[in-house]
Amino acid sequence: MKRIVCEPRANWRETVEARGLKWHTGAEPYWSESAYYQFTTDEIDAVERATNELHERCLEAVQHVIDEERYAELKIPEHAIPLIEQSWEDEPPSIYGRFDLAYGSGGPPVMLEYNADTPTSLLEASVIQWDWLEQCHSGADQFNSLHERLVAVWREMIPYLTSRSALGPLVHFSSMDDVEDGMTAAYLAETAVQAGLRAQLVGISDIGWDPDAREFADLSNETIDTLFKLYPWEWLVHEPFAQHIPRTKTRFIEPAWKMVLSNKGILAILWDLFPGHANLLPAYLDEPHGMFEYVKKPLLSREGANVTVHTMKEHLESTGEYGAEGYVFQQLAPIPELDGKRPVLGSWIIGQEAGGLGVREADGWVTGNTSRFVPHLFR
């Protein structure tokens, strides 16, 4: 893996905006094409294998948590447990997830965490970096079949979705009033439409409960049969209307069992189940268990908030509002430093298979919400 400095396209801002990437620059560019990451075919194969392997182990871990009732370790509230177990038994569809991996320091890819419920940076990984590749490096390839796989997964789902119209099933896509989340929800809605579904965007705060129909509905009083919600389950189960979820026939995407995997405590459970696994790092709940270099992460957090990095040379803490539920301690990952940047690989699961890669690079150990998205290719 190499980081190669290059010249950005002269009109890159207009180009990415035309393809839907509205939030591309903060204090400095978030979408950054002043460099790219070049992989070999063998390295891409290693990332793909590791992603599929980790996905299988994570599914085993969910079954284990359910069988052994290890919810308390993850601080999952009791009223959420029936939702998890029912959704696991019903086997509703899962569209996507993103593993964050450390790779490039001589060993195999290792798991930092699994963004299993509400991952973003999808449009960048799927569409924007592919356009960059075609314009700038047409002779190279990219680990990226994300768009095609998303459309295929939605298409496979059509026979299983409720349809109240001859026009076919309607899927509501919901997110908070946030540019990045709204962009992700809109892109996923577009892939659903390309698969033959109808799609409707709705704000998470605009979803209501119809007590007569005993169903969730949008502002037009349209029943929500299928809801893609870019809103974390750990927040959703504490909302006032969460009491209605067990009573409704609404199909939620992602399903409630993703609460187990989006909780960073799953890192400790995975290490407990598969100690020494080549794609896992040692991880423990509540204390570092003798590790001299480690990362302390809240069980529930987003965008690198409230993370502590402890090395033999430094002790760093990021700010935020998370950590009330507790922490997991994970061995410090061998993230390489290239040109003063530390890249984290976001490897996507679409349906049940690895489907593509995005690279985020930070100036330090912690990847936050402003860390740059940098395109990649392989030869």
Protein backbone atom coordinates (compact mmCIF):
# COMPACT_ATOMS: atom_id res chain seq x y z
CA MET A 1 0.00 0.00 0.00
CA LYS A 2 1.39 3.39 -1.06
CA ARG A 3 0.19 6.94 -0.60
CA ILE A 4 0.83 8.82 -3.83
CA VAL A 5 0.63 12.62 -3.97
CA CYS A 6 -1.10 14.01 -7.07
CA GLU A 7 -2.76 17.13 -8.45
CA PRO A 8 -6.51 17.48 -7.84
CA ARG A 9 -8.79 18.03 -10.81
CA ALA A 10 -9.19 21.74 -11.51
CA ASN A 11 -12.99 21.56 -11.24
CA TRP A 12 -13.26 18.84 -8.61
CA ARG A 13 -15.71 20.76 -6.39
CA GLU A 14 -18.23 21.26 -9.18
CA THR A 15 -17.71 17.68 -10.33
CA VAL A 16 -18.42 16.02 -6.98
CA GLU A 17 -21.35 18.33 -6.25
CA ALA A 18 -22.94 17.37 -9.57
CA ARG A 19 -22.77 13.72 -8.45
CA GLY A 20 -24.46 14.43 -5.13
CA LEU A 21 -21.58 15.07 -2.71
CA LYS A 22 -22.80 18.33 -1.19
CA TRP A 23 -20.56 18.28 1.89
CA HIS A 24 -17.03 18.11 0.53
CA THR A 25 -15.18 20.93 2.31
CA GLY A 26 -14.95 22.08 5.90
CA ALA A 27 -11.99 23.95 7.32
CA GLU A 28 -10.13 21.93 4.67
CA PRO A 29 -11.36 19.51 2.01
CA TYR A 30 -13.15 16.43 3.36
CA TRP A 31 -13.09 14.85 -0.09
CA SER A 32 -9.38 15.01 -0.88
CA GLU A 33 -7.84 14.03 -4.20
CA SER A 34 -4.46 15.64 -3.65
CA ALA A 35 -3.30 12.08 -2.95
CA TYR A 36 -4.54 8.54 -3.50
CA TYR A 37 -3.80 5.12 -2.06
CA GLN A 38 -2.43 2.48 -4.40
CA PHE A 39 -2.82 -1.21 -3.54
CA THR A 40 -1.65 -4.39 -5.18
CA THR A 41 -4.10 -7.06 -6.29
CA ASP A 42 -2.93 -9.30 -3.45
CA GLU A 43 -3.59 -6.56 -0.90
CA ILE A 44 -7.12 -6.02 -2.20
CA ASP A 45 -7.73 -9.78 -2.08
CA ALA A 46 -6.55 -9.78 1.55
CA VAL A 47 -8.97 -6.97 2.46
CA GLU A 48 -11.85 -8.75 0.73
CA ARG A 49 -11.11 -12.06 2.46
CA ALA A 50 -10.75 -10.40 5.85
CA THR A 51 -14.03 -8.54 5.42
CA ASN A 52 -15.98 -11.67 4.54
CA GLU A 53 -14.31 -13.59 7.36
CA LEU A 54 -15.08 -10.90 9.93
CA HIS A 55 -18.69 -10.70 8.77
CA GLU A 56 -19.13 -14.44 9.35
CA ARG A 57 -17.54 -14.22 12.80
CA CYS A 58 -19.76 -11.27 13.69
CA LEU A 59 -22.89 -13.21 12.79
CA GLU A 60 -21.68 -16.02 15.04
CA ALA A 61 -21.13 -13.47 17.79
CA VAL A 62 -24.72 -12.23 17.51
CA GLN A 63 -26.00 -15.78 17.88
CA HIS A 64 -23.73 -16.24 20.89
CA VAL A 65 -24.93 -13.04 22.59
CA ILE A 66 -28.54 -14.15 22.11
CA ASP A 67 -27.94 -17.73 23.25
CA GLU A 68 -25.92 -16.71 26.30
CA GLU A 69 -27.94 -13.57 27.04
CA ARG A 70 -24.86 -11.34 27.25
CA TYR A 71 -26.87 -8.14 26.75
CA ALA A 72 -25.92 -6.64 30.12
CA GLU A 73 -22.24 -6.58 29.13
CA LEU A 74 -23.21 -4.40 26.17
CA LYS A 75 -25.52 -2.24 28.32
CA ILE A 76 -28.44 -3.04 26.02
CA PRO A 77 -31.69 -2.09 27.82
CA GLU A 78 -34.04 -4.94 28.68
CA HIS A 79 -36.94 -3.57 26.67
CA ALA A 80 -34.79 -3.73 23.52
CA ILE A 81 -33.97 -7.43 23.90
CA PRO A 82 -37.26 -8.76 22.44
CA LEU A 83 -36.74 -6.56 19.36
CA ILE A 84 -33.26 -7.99 18.86
CA GLU A 85 -34.33 -11.60 19.30
CA GLN A 86 -37.46 -11.30 17.17
CA SER A 87 -35.59 -9.62 14.32
CA TRP A 88 -32.86 -12.28 14.46
CA GLU A 89 -35.47 -15.04 14.29
CA ASP A 90 -37.42 -13.37 11.48
CA GLU A 91 -34.26 -12.85 9.37
CA PRO A 92 -35.28 -9.50 7.85
CA PRO A 93 -33.03 -8.03 5.16
CA SER A 94 -29.81 -6.23 5.95
CA ILE A 95 -28.52 -3.83 3.32
CA TYR A 96 -25.06 -2.81 4.40
CA GLY A 97 -22.36 -2.35 7.02
CA ARG A 98 -18.80 -1.05 7.11
CA PHE A 99 -15.79 -2.58 8.79
CA ASP A 100 -13.04 -0.15 9.75
CA LEU A 101 -9.72 -1.93 9.30
CA ALA A 102 -6.07 -1.24 9.99
CA TYR A 103 -3.75 -2.54 7.27
CA GLY A 104 -0.40 -1.89 5.71
CA SER A 105 2.10 -2.53 8.51
CA GLY A 106 3.14 -5.99 7.37
CA GLY A 107 0.40 -8.11 8.92
CA PRO A 108 -3.13 -9.00 7.80
CA PRO A 109 -6.02 -6.50 7.97
CA VAL A 110 -7.34 -6.19 11.53
CA MET A 111 -10.72 -4.98 12.72
CA LEU A 112 -10.95 -1.66 14.51
CA GLU A 113 -14.75 -1.68 14.73
CA TYR A 114 -17.90 -2.52 12.79
CA ASN A 115 -20.26 0.27 11.76
CA ALA A 116 -23.13 -2.15 11.34
CA ASP A 117 -26.19 0.04 11.82
CA THR A 118 -25.77 3.57 10.44
CA PRO A 119 -22.54 3.80 8.42
CA THR A 120 -21.99 6.84 6.23
CA SER A 121 -19.35 7.79 3.60
CA LEU A 122 -21.17 5.47 1.20
CA LEU A 123 -21.69 7.88 -1.70
CA GLU A 124 -18.02 8.82 -1.58
CA ALA A 125 -16.93 5.18 -1.69
CA SER A 126 -19.43 4.07 -4.30
CA VAL A 127 -19.81 6.90 -6.83
CA ILE A 128 -17.41 9.77 -6.23
CA GLN A 129 -14.15 7.85 -6.12
CA TRP A 130 -15.23 5.70 -9.09
CA ASP A 131 -15.76 8.86 -11.17
CA TRP A 132 -12.31 10.05 -10.07
CA LEU A 133 -10.79 6.74 -11.18
CA GLU A 134 -12.41 6.86 -14.62
CA GLN A 135 -11.34 10.45 -15.21
CA CYS A 136 -7.82 10.26 -13.78
CA HIS A 137 -6.67 6.62 -13.93
CA SER A 138 -8.77 4.82 -16.51
CA GLY A 139 -6.22 2.03 -16.89
CA ALA A 140 -6.34 1.08 -13.20
CA ASP A 141 -8.97 -0.75 -11.16
CA GLN A 142 -10.73 -0.12 -7.86
CA PHE A 143 -12.23 -2.39 -5.21
CA ASN A 144 -15.70 -1.02 -5.79
CA SER A 145 -18.84 -2.82 -6.92
CA LEU A 146 -20.90 -1.03 -4.29
CA HIS A 147 -23.50 0.58 -6.53
CA GLU A 148 -24.24 -2.54 -8.53
CA ARG A 149 -24.46 -4.66 -5.37
CA LEU A 150 -26.80 -2.21 -3.66
CA VAL A 151 -29.19 -2.24 -6.61
CA ALA A 152 -29.04 -6.03 -6.72
CA VAL A 153 -29.80 -6.39 -2.99
CA TRP A 154 -32.84 -4.11 -3.27
CA ARG A 155 -34.03 -6.02 -6.32
CA GLU A 156 -33.77 -9.34 -4.51
CA MET A 157 -35.80 -7.87 -1.67
CA ILE A 158 -38.81 -6.78 -3.74
CA PRO A 159 -40.84 -10.05 -3.47
CA TYR A 160 -40.60 -9.92 0.34
CA LEU A 161 -41.77 -6.31 0.83
CA THR A 162 -45.36 -5.25 1.47
CA SER A 163 -47.03 -3.60 -1.49
CA ARG A 164 -50.23 -1.55 -1.14
CA SER A 165 -50.16 -0.34 -4.74
CA ALA A 166 -49.98 -1.76 -8.22
CA LEU A 167 -46.90 0.43 -8.57
CA GLY A 168 -45.03 -1.84 -6.18
CA PRO A 169 -43.60 -1.57 -2.65
CA LEU A 170 -42.80 1.82 -1.15
CA VAL A 171 -39.71 2.24 1.03
CA HIS A 172 -39.37 5.29 3.28
CA PHE A 173 -35.82 6.56 3.77
CA SER A 174 -35.31 8.55 6.94
CA SER A 175 -32.47 10.46 8.56
CA MET A 176 -31.83 13.40 10.83
CA ASP A 177 -31.68 16.93 9.44
CA ASP A 178 -27.98 16.63 8.64
CA VAL A 179 -26.28 17.11 5.28
CA GLU A 180 -24.14 13.97 5.47
CA ASP A 181 -26.91 11.70 6.74
CA GLY A 182 -29.45 13.14 4.31
CA MET A 183 -27.01 12.63 1.44
CA THR A 184 -26.52 8.97 2.40
CA ALA A 185 -30.26 8.33 2.73
CA ALA A 186 -30.95 10.01 -0.63
CA TYR A 187 -28.27 7.95 -2.35
CA LEU A 188 -29.64 4.69 -0.95
CA ALA A 189 -33.12 5.75 -2.07
CA GLU A 190 -31.73 6.24 -5.57
CA THR A 191 -30.30 2.70 -5.61
CA ALA A 192 -33.69 1.35 -4.47
CA VAL A 193 -35.46 3.20 -7.27
CA GLN A 194 -33.00 1.81 -9.81
CA ALA A 195 -33.91 -1.65 -8.51
CA GLY A 196 -37.60 -1.04 -9.23
CA LEU A 197 -38.85 0.11 -5.83
CA ARG A 198 -40.65 3.31 -4.98
CA ALA A 199 -38.89 5.56 -2.47
CA GLN A 200 -39.95 8.42 -0.22
CA LEU A 201 -37.61 10.59 1.86
CA VAL A 202 -38.90 11.54 5.31
CA GLY A 203 -37.28 13.26 8.27
CA ILE A 204 -36.97 11.08 11.36
CA SER A 205 -38.92 13.72 13.31
CA ASP A 206 -41.73 13.61 10.72
CA ILE A 207 -42.62 9.98 11.42
CA GLY A 208 -45.80 9.59 13.47
CA TRP A 209 -47.94 6.84 14.97
CA ASP A 210 -51.49 6.24 13.68
CA PRO A 211 -53.32 4.83 16.73
CA ASP A 212 -56.32 3.69 14.69
CA ALA A 213 -54.33 1.79 12.07
CA ARG A 214 -51.68 0.89 14.66
CA GLU A 215 -49.00 1.74 12.12
CA PHE A 216 -46.24 4.30 11.64
CA ALA A 217 -47.07 6.96 9.04
CA ASP A 218 -45.47 9.93 7.30
CA LEU A 219 -46.74 13.51 7.13
CA SER A 220 -49.08 12.56 4.26
CA ASN A 221 -50.55 9.82 6.45
CA GLU A 222 -48.98 7.22 4.18
CA THR A 223 -48.40 3.99 6.08
CA ILE A 224 -44.71 3.15 6.45
CA ASP A 225 -44.40 -0.51 5.50
CA THR A 226 -40.62 -0.50 5.11
CA LEU A 227 -38.38 2.04 6.81
CA PHE A 228 -34.69 2.53 6.12
CA LYS A 229 -33.61 4.57 9.14
CA LEU A 230 -30.27 6.29 9.27
CA TYR A 231 -30.81 6.73 12.99
CA PRO A 232 -29.05 4.52 15.54
CA TRP A 233 -31.06 1.81 17.22
CA GLU A 234 -29.53 2.74 20.57
CA TRP A 235 -31.20 6.15 20.22
CA LEU A 236 -34.39 4.82 18.67
CA VAL A 237 -35.24 2.45 21.51
CA HIS A 238 -35.24 5.40 23.95
CA GLU A 239 -37.65 7.52 21.88
CA PRO A 240 -41.23 7.87 23.20
CA PHE A 241 -42.71 6.08 20.18
CA ALA A 242 -40.37 3.11 20.59
CA GLN A 243 -43.10 1.45 22.64
CA HIS A 244 -45.05 1.01 19.41
CA ILE A 245 -42.30 -0.83 17.50
CA PRO A 246 -43.26 -4.34 18.75
CA ARG A 247 -46.87 -3.69 17.69
CA THR A 248 -46.22 -2.57 14.15
CA LYS A 249 -45.71 -4.51 10.95
CA THR A 250 -43.16 -1.95 9.73
CA ARG A 251 -40.00 -3.59 8.46
CA PHE A 252 -36.92 -1.76 9.73
CA ILE A 253 -33.67 -1.58 7.78
CA GLU A 254 -31.18 -2.07 9.34
CA PRO A 255 -32.84 -4.68 11.61
CA ALA A 256 -32.80 -4.44 15.40
CA TRP A 257 -30.21 -7.20 15.84
CA LYS A 258 -27.65 -4.78 14.44
CA MET A 259 -27.72 -3.20 17.93
CA VAL A 260 -25.41 -6.00 19.01
CA LEU A 261 -22.81 -5.36 16.32
CA SER A 262 -22.89 -1.56 16.36
CA ASN A 263 -21.96 -1.71 20.05
CA LYS A 264 -18.18 -1.57 20.44
CA GLY A 265 -18.40 -4.06 23.27
CA ILE A 266 -18.72 -6.67 20.52
CA LEU A 267 -14.94 -6.27 20.06
CA ALA A 268 -14.37 -7.88 23.47
CA ILE A 269 -16.93 -10.61 22.82
CA LEU A 270 -15.31 -11.44 19.47
CA TRP A 271 -11.90 -11.73 21.13
CA ASP A 272 -13.46 -13.90 23.84
CA LEU A 273 -14.96 -16.19 21.19
CA PHE A 274 -12.02 -16.22 18.76
CA PRO A 275 -8.84 -15.49 20.75
CA GLY A 276 -5.78 -15.08 18.57
CA HIS A 277 -7.79 -14.63 15.36
CA ALA A 278 -5.55 -13.04 12.74
CA ASN A 279 -8.08 -10.33 11.86
CA LEU A 280 -8.92 -9.35 15.44
CA LEU A 281 -7.13 -7.32 18.09
CA PRO A 282 -7.18 -8.21 21.80
CA ALA A 283 -10.07 -6.36 23.43
CA TYR A 284 -11.59 -6.34 26.91
CA LEU A 285 -14.45 -4.69 28.70
CA ASP A 286 -13.85 -2.20 31.52
CA GLU A 287 -10.03 -2.46 31.87
CA PRO A 288 -6.92 -2.87 29.67
CA HIS A 289 -5.94 -6.29 31.13
CA GLY A 290 -2.22 -5.50 31.18
CA MET A 291 -1.98 -4.00 27.70
CA PHE A 292 0.67 -1.26 27.62
CA GLU A 293 -0.61 0.34 24.40
CA TYR A 294 -4.35 0.48 23.85
CA VAL A 295 -7.35 2.48 22.69
CA LYS A 296 -10.21 3.10 25.08
CA LYS A 297 -13.54 3.44 23.23
CA PRO A 298 -17.06 4.12 24.51
CA LEU A 299 -19.46 1.23 23.92
CA LEU A 300 -21.67 3.67 22.04
CA SER A 301 -20.13 6.59 20.17
CA ARG A 302 -19.78 8.17 16.75
CA GLU A 303 -17.07 9.82 14.68
CA GLY A 304 -14.15 9.17 17.03
CA ALA A 305 -15.68 10.99 20.02
CA ASN A 306 -14.45 10.28 23.58
CA VAL A 307 -11.65 7.99 22.42
CA THR A 308 -8.47 7.66 24.49
CA VAL A 309 -5.22 6.51 22.84
CA HIS A 310 -2.50 5.35 25.22
CA THR A 311 0.95 4.52 23.85
CA MET A 312 4.36 4.19 25.45
CA LYS A 313 5.08 7.76 24.33
CA GLU A 314 1.78 9.64 24.53
CA HIS A 315 -1.70 9.77 26.04
CA LEU A 316 -4.38 11.42 23.89
CA GLU A 317 -8.08 11.97 24.58
CA SER A 318 -10.75 13.20 22.15
CA THR A 319 -13.76 15.12 23.41
CA GLY A 320 -17.46 14.35 23.12
CA GLU A 321 -20.61 13.39 24.95
CA TYR A 322 -20.33 9.60 25.01
CA GLY A 323 -19.13 7.03 27.53
CA ALA A 324 -21.97 6.80 30.05
CA GLU A 325 -22.57 3.14 29.21
CA GLY A 326 -18.94 2.12 29.70
CA TYR A 327 -15.86 1.40 27.62
CA VAL A 328 -13.99 -1.28 25.75
CA PHE A 329 -10.18 -1.43 25.72
CA GLN A 330 -8.63 -2.58 22.45
CA GLN A 331 -4.96 -3.18 21.73
CA LEU A 332 -3.44 -0.30 19.78
CA ALA A 333 -3.75 -1.13 16.09
CA PRO A 334 -0.76 -1.14 13.74
CA ILE A 335 -2.04 1.73 11.60
CA PRO A 336 0.82 2.78 9.32
CA GLU A 337 1.91 6.40 9.09
CA LEU A 338 2.35 7.55 5.49
CA ASP A 339 3.39 11.15 4.81
CA GLY A 340 2.29 11.96 8.36
CA LYS A 341 -1.22 10.53 7.76
CA ARG A 342 -2.79 7.43 9.27
CA PRO A 343 -5.22 5.65 6.88
CA VAL A 344 -8.17 3.58 8.05
CA LEU A 345 -9.79 1.30 5.47
CA GLY A 346 -13.58 1.26 5.39
CA SER A 347 -14.48 -2.10 3.87
CA TRP A 348 -18.15 -2.47 3.01
CA ILE A 349 -20.48 -5.43 3.35
CA ILE A 350 -23.41 -5.23 0.92
CA GLY A 351 -26.01 -7.88 1.67
CA GLN A 352 -23.75 -10.65 2.88
CA GLU A 353 -20.56 -10.01 0.86
CA ALA A 354 -17.66 -7.58 0.73
CA GLY A 355 -18.31 -5.05 -2.00
CA GLY A 356 -15.89 -2.15 -1.89
CA LEU A 357 -13.39 0.01 -0.08
CA GLY A 358 -13.05 3.61 1.06
CA VAL A 359 -10.01 5.16 2.74
CA ARG A 360 -10.17 7.82 5.46
CA GLU A 361 -6.96 9.40 6.66
CA ALA A 362 -6.32 11.34 9.84
CA ASP A 363 -3.43 13.48 11.04
CA GLY A 364 -3.28 11.46 14.27
CA TRP A 365 -4.49 8.21 15.76
CA VAL A 366 -8.23 9.02 15.84
CA THR A 367 -10.38 9.16 12.72
CA GLY A 368 -13.05 11.84 13.26
CA ASN A 369 -15.89 13.32 11.24
CA THR A 370 -13.56 15.73 9.41
CA SER A 371 -10.90 13.14 8.55
CA ARG A 372 -10.30 13.16 4.82
CA PHE A 373 -11.80 10.68 2.38
CA VAL A 374 -9.07 9.80 -0.12
CA PRO A 375 -9.66 7.72 -3.27
CA HIS A 376 -7.85 4.48 -4.02
CA LEU A 377 -6.93 2.19 -6.89
CA PHE A 378 -5.05 -1.05 -7.46
CA ARG A 379 -2.87 -2.33 -10.24
